[in-house]
C-alpha atoms as a PDB file:
ATOM      1  CA  UNK A   1      -5.645  -7.258  15.007  1.00  0.00           C
ATOM      2  CA  UNK A   2      -6.375  -7.644  18.690  1.00  0.00           C
ATOM      3  CA  UNK A   3      -6.551  -4.616  20.938  1.00  0.00           C
ATOM      4  CA  UNK A   4      -4.957  -4.402  24.359  1.00  0.00           C
ATOM      5  CA  UNK A   5      -6.074  -1.867  26.929  1.00  0.00           C
ATOM      6  CA  UNK A   6      -3.617  -0.248  29.334  1.00  0.00           C
ATOM      7  CA  UNK A   7      -3.731   2.640  31.756  1.00  0.00           C
ATOM      8  CA  UNK A   8      -1.668   5.791  31.701  1.00  0.00           C
ATOM      9  CA  UNK A   9      -1.148   8.165  34.607  1.00  0.00           C
ATOM     10  CA  UNK A  10      -0.541  11.824  33.746  1.00  0.00           C
ATOM     11  CA  UNK A  11      -0.414  15.143  35.520  1.00  0.00           C
ATOM     12  CA  UNK A  12      -3.658  17.077  35.118  1.00  0.00           C
ATOM     13  CA  UNK A  13      -2.051  19.921  33.153  1.00  0.00           C
ATOM     14  CA  UNK A  14      -0.313  17.510  30.798  1.00  0.00           C
ATOM     15  CA  UNK A  15      -3.592  15.702  30.103  1.00  0.00           C
ATOM     16  CA  UNK A  16      -5.299  19.038  29.458  1.00  0.00           C
ATOM     17  CA  UNK A  17      -2.641  19.943  26.873  1.00  0.00           C
ATOM     18  CA  UNK A  18      -2.866  16.485  25.319  1.00  0.00           C
ATOM     19  CA  UNK A  19      -6.656  16.782  25.011  1.00  0.00           C
ATOM     20  CA  UNK A  20      -6.198  20.175  23.334  1.00  0.00           C
ATOM     21  CA  UNK A  21      -3.740  18.538  20.914  1.00  0.00           C
ATOM     22  CA  UNK A  22      -6.309  15.821  20.168  1.00  0.00           C
ATOM     23  CA  UNK A  23      -9.025  18.393  19.416  1.00  0.00           C
ATOM     24  CA  UNK A  24      -6.740  20.573  17.271  1.00  0.00           C
ATOM     25  CA  UNK A  25      -5.695  17.548  15.224  1.00  0.00           C
ATOM     26  CA  UNK A  26      -9.212  16.140  14.873  1.00  0.00           C
ATOM     27  CA  UNK A  27      -8.581  12.896  16.750  1.00  0.00           C
ATOM     28  CA  UNK A  28     -11.829  11.167  17.628  1.00  0.00           C
ATOM     29  CA  UNK A  29     -10.292   9.880  20.867  1.00  0.00           C
ATOM     30  CA  UNK A  30      -7.069   9.766  22.862  1.00  0.00           C
ATOM     31  CA  UNK A  31      -6.262   6.230  21.733  1.00  0.00           C
ATOM     32  CA  UNK A  32      -5.908   7.322  18.104  1.00  0.00           C
ATOM     33  CA  UNK A  33      -3.514  10.103  19.107  1.00  0.00           C
ATOM     34  CA  UNK A  34      -1.441   7.758  21.268  1.00  0.00           C
ATOM     35  CA  UNK A  35      -1.261   5.201  18.435  1.00  0.00           C
ATOM     36  CA  UNK A  36       0.034   7.914  16.089  1.00  0.00           C
ATOM     37  CA  UNK A  37       2.674   8.999  18.605  1.00  0.00           C
ATOM     38  CA  UNK A  38       3.841   5.401  19.011  1.00  0.00           C
ATOM     39  CA  UNK A  39       4.016   4.986  15.218  1.00  0.00           C
ATOM     40  CA  UNK A  40       6.096   8.166  14.952  1.00  0.00           C
ATOM     41  CA  UNK A  41       8.585   6.700  17.425  1.00  0.00           C
ATOM     42  CA  UNK A  42       8.729   3.437  15.450  1.00  0.00           C
ATOM     43  CA  UNK A  43       9.311   5.312  12.169  1.00  0.00           C
ATOM     44  CA  UNK A  44      12.083   7.345  13.806  1.00  0.00           C
ATOM     45  CA  UNK A  45      13.725   4.128  15.003  1.00  0.00           C
ATOM     46  CA  UNK A  46      13.505   2.628  11.498  1.00  0.00           C
ATOM     47  CA  UNK A  47      15.366   5.643  10.135  1.00  0.00           C
ATOM     48  CA  UNK A  48      18.040   5.817  12.812  1.00  0.00           C
ATOM     49  CA  UNK A  49      18.439   2.402  14.353  1.00  0.00           C
ATOM     50  CA  UNK A  50      18.546  -0.093  11.534  1.00  0.00           C
ATOM     51  CA  UNK A  51      19.462  -0.734   7.950  1.00  0.00           C
ATOM     52  CA  UNK A  52      15.935  -1.821   7.044  1.00  0.00           C
ATOM     53  CA  UNK A  53      14.229  -0.426   3.978  1.00  0.00           C
ATOM     54  CA  UNK A  54      12.569   2.930   4.554  1.00  0.00           C
ATOM     55  CA  UNK A  55      10.586   5.150   2.261  1.00  0.00           C
ATOM     56  CA  UNK A  56      10.054   8.849   1.905  1.00  0.00           C
ATOM     57  CA  UNK A  57       9.549  11.810  -0.373  1.00  0.00           C
ATOM     58  CA  UNK A  58      12.184  14.327  -1.380  1.00  0.00           C
ATOM     59  CA  UNK A  59      10.775  17.665  -2.512  1.00  0.00           C
ATOM     60  CA  UNK A  60      12.868  20.270  -4.295  1.00  0.00           C
ATOM     61  CA  UNK A  61      12.030  23.790  -5.430  1.00  0.00           C
ATOM     62  CA  UNK A  62      14.343  25.355  -7.965  1.00  0.00           C
ATOM     63  CA  UNK A  63      14.585  27.864 -10.804  1.00  0.00           C
ATOM     64  CA  UNK A  64      14.608  25.803 -13.982  1.00  0.00           C
ATOM     65  CA  UNK A  65      16.324  28.659 -15.843  1.00  0.00           C
ATOM     66  CA  UNK A  66      19.450  28.189 -13.706  1.00  0.00           C
ATOM     67  CA  UNK A  67      22.134  27.061 -16.132  1.00  0.00           C
ATOM     68  CA  UNK A  68      22.704  23.282 -16.179  1.00  0.00           C
ATOM     69  CA  UNK A  69      20.739  22.758 -12.940  1.00  0.00           C
ATOM     70  CA  UNK A  70      18.083  20.480 -14.456  1.00  0.00           C
ATOM     71  CA  UNK A  71      20.790  18.311 -16.054  1.00  0.00           C
ATOM     72  CA  UNK A  72      22.669  18.082 -12.737  1.00  0.00           C
ATOM     73  CA  UNK A  73      19.518  17.052 -10.861  1.00  0.00           C
ATOM     74  CA  UNK A  74      18.660  14.440 -13.481  1.00  0.00           C
ATOM     75  CA  UNK A  75      22.202  13.029 -13.439  1.00  0.00           C
ATOM     76  CA  UNK A  76      22.085  12.687  -9.653  1.00  0.00           C
ATOM     77  CA  UNK A  77      18.739  10.902  -9.907  1.00  0.00           C
ATOM     78  CA  UNK A  78      20.067   8.533 -12.575  1.00  0.00           C
ATOM     79  CA  UNK A  79      23.024   7.725 -10.313  1.00  0.00           C
ATOM     80  CA  UNK A  80      20.529   6.709  -7.585  1.00  0.00           C
ATOM     81  CA  UNK A  81      17.873   5.040  -9.725  1.00  0.00           C
ATOM     82  CA  UNK A  82      17.863   1.866  -7.603  1.00  0.00           C
ATOM     83  CA  UNK A  83      16.248   3.781  -4.698  1.00  0.00           C
ATOM     84  CA  UNK A  84      13.985   6.100  -6.719  1.00  0.00           C
ATOM     85  CA  UNK A  85      10.480   4.701  -7.105  1.00  0.00           C
ATOM     86  CA  UNK A  86       8.936   7.635  -8.993  1.00  0.00           C
ATOM     87  CA  UNK A  87       9.309  11.346  -9.580  1.00  0.00           C
ATOM     88  CA  UNK A  88       7.079  14.155 -10.718  1.00  0.00           C
ATOM     89  CA  UNK A  89       7.950  17.561 -12.091  1.00  0.00           C
ATOM     90  CA  UNK A  90       5.506  20.419 -11.468  1.00  0.00           C
ATOM     91  CA  UNK A  91       5.702  23.918 -12.959  1.00  0.00           C
ATOM     92  CA  UNK A  92       4.892  26.338 -10.141  1.00  0.00           C
ATOM     93  CA  UNK A  93       5.207  29.472 -12.250  1.00  0.00           C
ATOM     94  CA  UNK A  94       7.296  30.729 -15.170  1.00  0.00           C
ATOM     95  CA  UNK A  95      10.569  30.365 -13.259  1.00  0.00           C
ATOM     96  CA  UNK A  96      10.071  27.886 -10.433  1.00  0.00           C
ATOM     97  CA  UNK A  97       9.563  24.140 -10.466  1.00  0.00           C
ATOM     98  CA  UNK A  98       8.766  21.582  -7.823  1.00  0.00           C
ATOM     99  CA  UNK A  99      10.317  18.132  -8.122  1.00  0.00           C
ATOM    100  CA  UNK A 100       8.786  15.379  -5.991  1.00  0.00           C
ATOM    101  CA  UNK A 101      10.842  12.185  -5.735  1.00  0.00           C
ATOM    102  CA  UNK A 102       9.506   9.069  -4.027  1.00  0.00           C
ATOM    103  CA  UNK A 103      12.316   6.942  -2.619  1.00  0.00           C
ATOM    104  CA  UNK A 104      12.723   3.529  -1.003  1.00  0.00           C
ATOM    105  CA  UNK A 105      15.973   2.056   0.273  1.00  0.00           C
ATOM    106  CA  UNK A 106      18.293   2.078   3.249  1.00  0.00           C
ATOM    107  CA  UNK A 107      18.025   5.185   5.410  1.00  0.00           C
ATOM    108  CA  UNK A 108      21.701   5.950   4.730  1.00  0.00           C
ATOM    109  CA  UNK A 109      21.202   5.856   0.938  1.00  0.00           C
ATOM    110  CA  UNK A 110      17.967   7.857   1.009  1.00  0.00           C
ATOM    111  CA  UNK A 111      19.393  10.539   3.302  1.00  0.00           C
ATOM    112  CA  UNK A 112      22.529  10.708   1.161  1.00  0.00           C
ATOM    113  CA  UNK A 113      20.498  11.281  -1.994  1.00  0.00           C
ATOM    114  CA  UNK A 114      18.383  13.952  -0.300  1.00  0.00           C
ATOM    115  CA  UNK A 115      21.481  15.752   0.963  1.00  0.00           C
ATOM    116  CA  UNK A 116      23.141  15.641  -2.458  1.00  0.00           C
ATOM    117  CA  UNK A 117      20.060  17.019  -4.217  1.00  0.00           C
ATOM    118  CA  UNK A 118      19.513  19.779  -1.624  1.00  0.00           C
ATOM    119  CA  UNK A 119      23.167  20.828  -1.821  1.00  0.00           C
ATOM    120  CA  UNK A 120      23.054  21.249  -5.599  1.00  0.00           C
ATOM    121  CA  UNK A 121      23.724  24.881  -6.454  1.00  0.00           C
ATOM    122  CA  UNK A 122      20.475  26.517  -7.566  1.00  0.00           C
ATOM    123  CA  UNK A 123      18.097  24.463  -5.442  1.00  0.00           C
ATOM    124  CA  UNK A 124      16.088  26.978  -3.429  1.00  0.00           C
ATOM    125  CA  UNK A 125      14.576  24.517  -0.959  1.00  0.00           C
ATOM    126  CA  UNK A 126      14.713  20.808  -0.393  1.00  0.00           C
ATOM    127  CA  UNK A 127      13.174  18.569   2.187  1.00  0.00           C
ATOM    128  CA  UNK A 128      13.047  14.868   2.973  1.00  0.00           C
ATOM    129  CA  UNK A 129       9.789  13.637   4.455  1.00  0.00           C
ATOM    130  CA  UNK A 130      10.573  10.381   6.209  1.00  0.00           C
ATOM    131  CA  UNK A 131       8.011   7.642   6.575  1.00  0.00           C
ATOM    132  CA  UNK A 132       7.758   3.876   6.790  1.00  0.00           C
ATOM    133  CA  UNK A 133       7.097   1.080   4.363  1.00  0.00           C
ATOM    134  CA  UNK A 134       4.342   0.033   6.753  1.00  0.00           C
ATOM    135  CA  UNK A 135       5.650  -3.506   6.748  1.00  0.00           C
ATOM    136  CA  UNK A 136       6.074  -3.828  10.520  1.00  0.00           C
ATOM    137  CA  UNK A 137       3.268  -1.543  11.659  1.00  0.00           C
END
């Protein structure tokens, strides 16, 4: 990897806020923070601007006592097994479970699966954390 230096001109107040952001997020220098911001933009473009493979994690919290809910969630996952890499089931307490599902596929397919799982009656909370395969980073 070769590094390229470039200059950036900012208003004083904006730089002050950016430096505060760097400190609060434990960046050792501004370059690391800028690299992360650029990567975030690239990941966003992968999810919205192409049909390339993306990856992410779907997390669900639900009451496992809810009638037929576990079977419905498993059936949905079986219907989408080609994009599910792995899943883990965690017992949070006597009633509540956390399901973590690692996915890889087209952004359309992954977002569709996440939406279907979240919309399942009895799911208390669901979220899709979008990231990259790292292939083009």
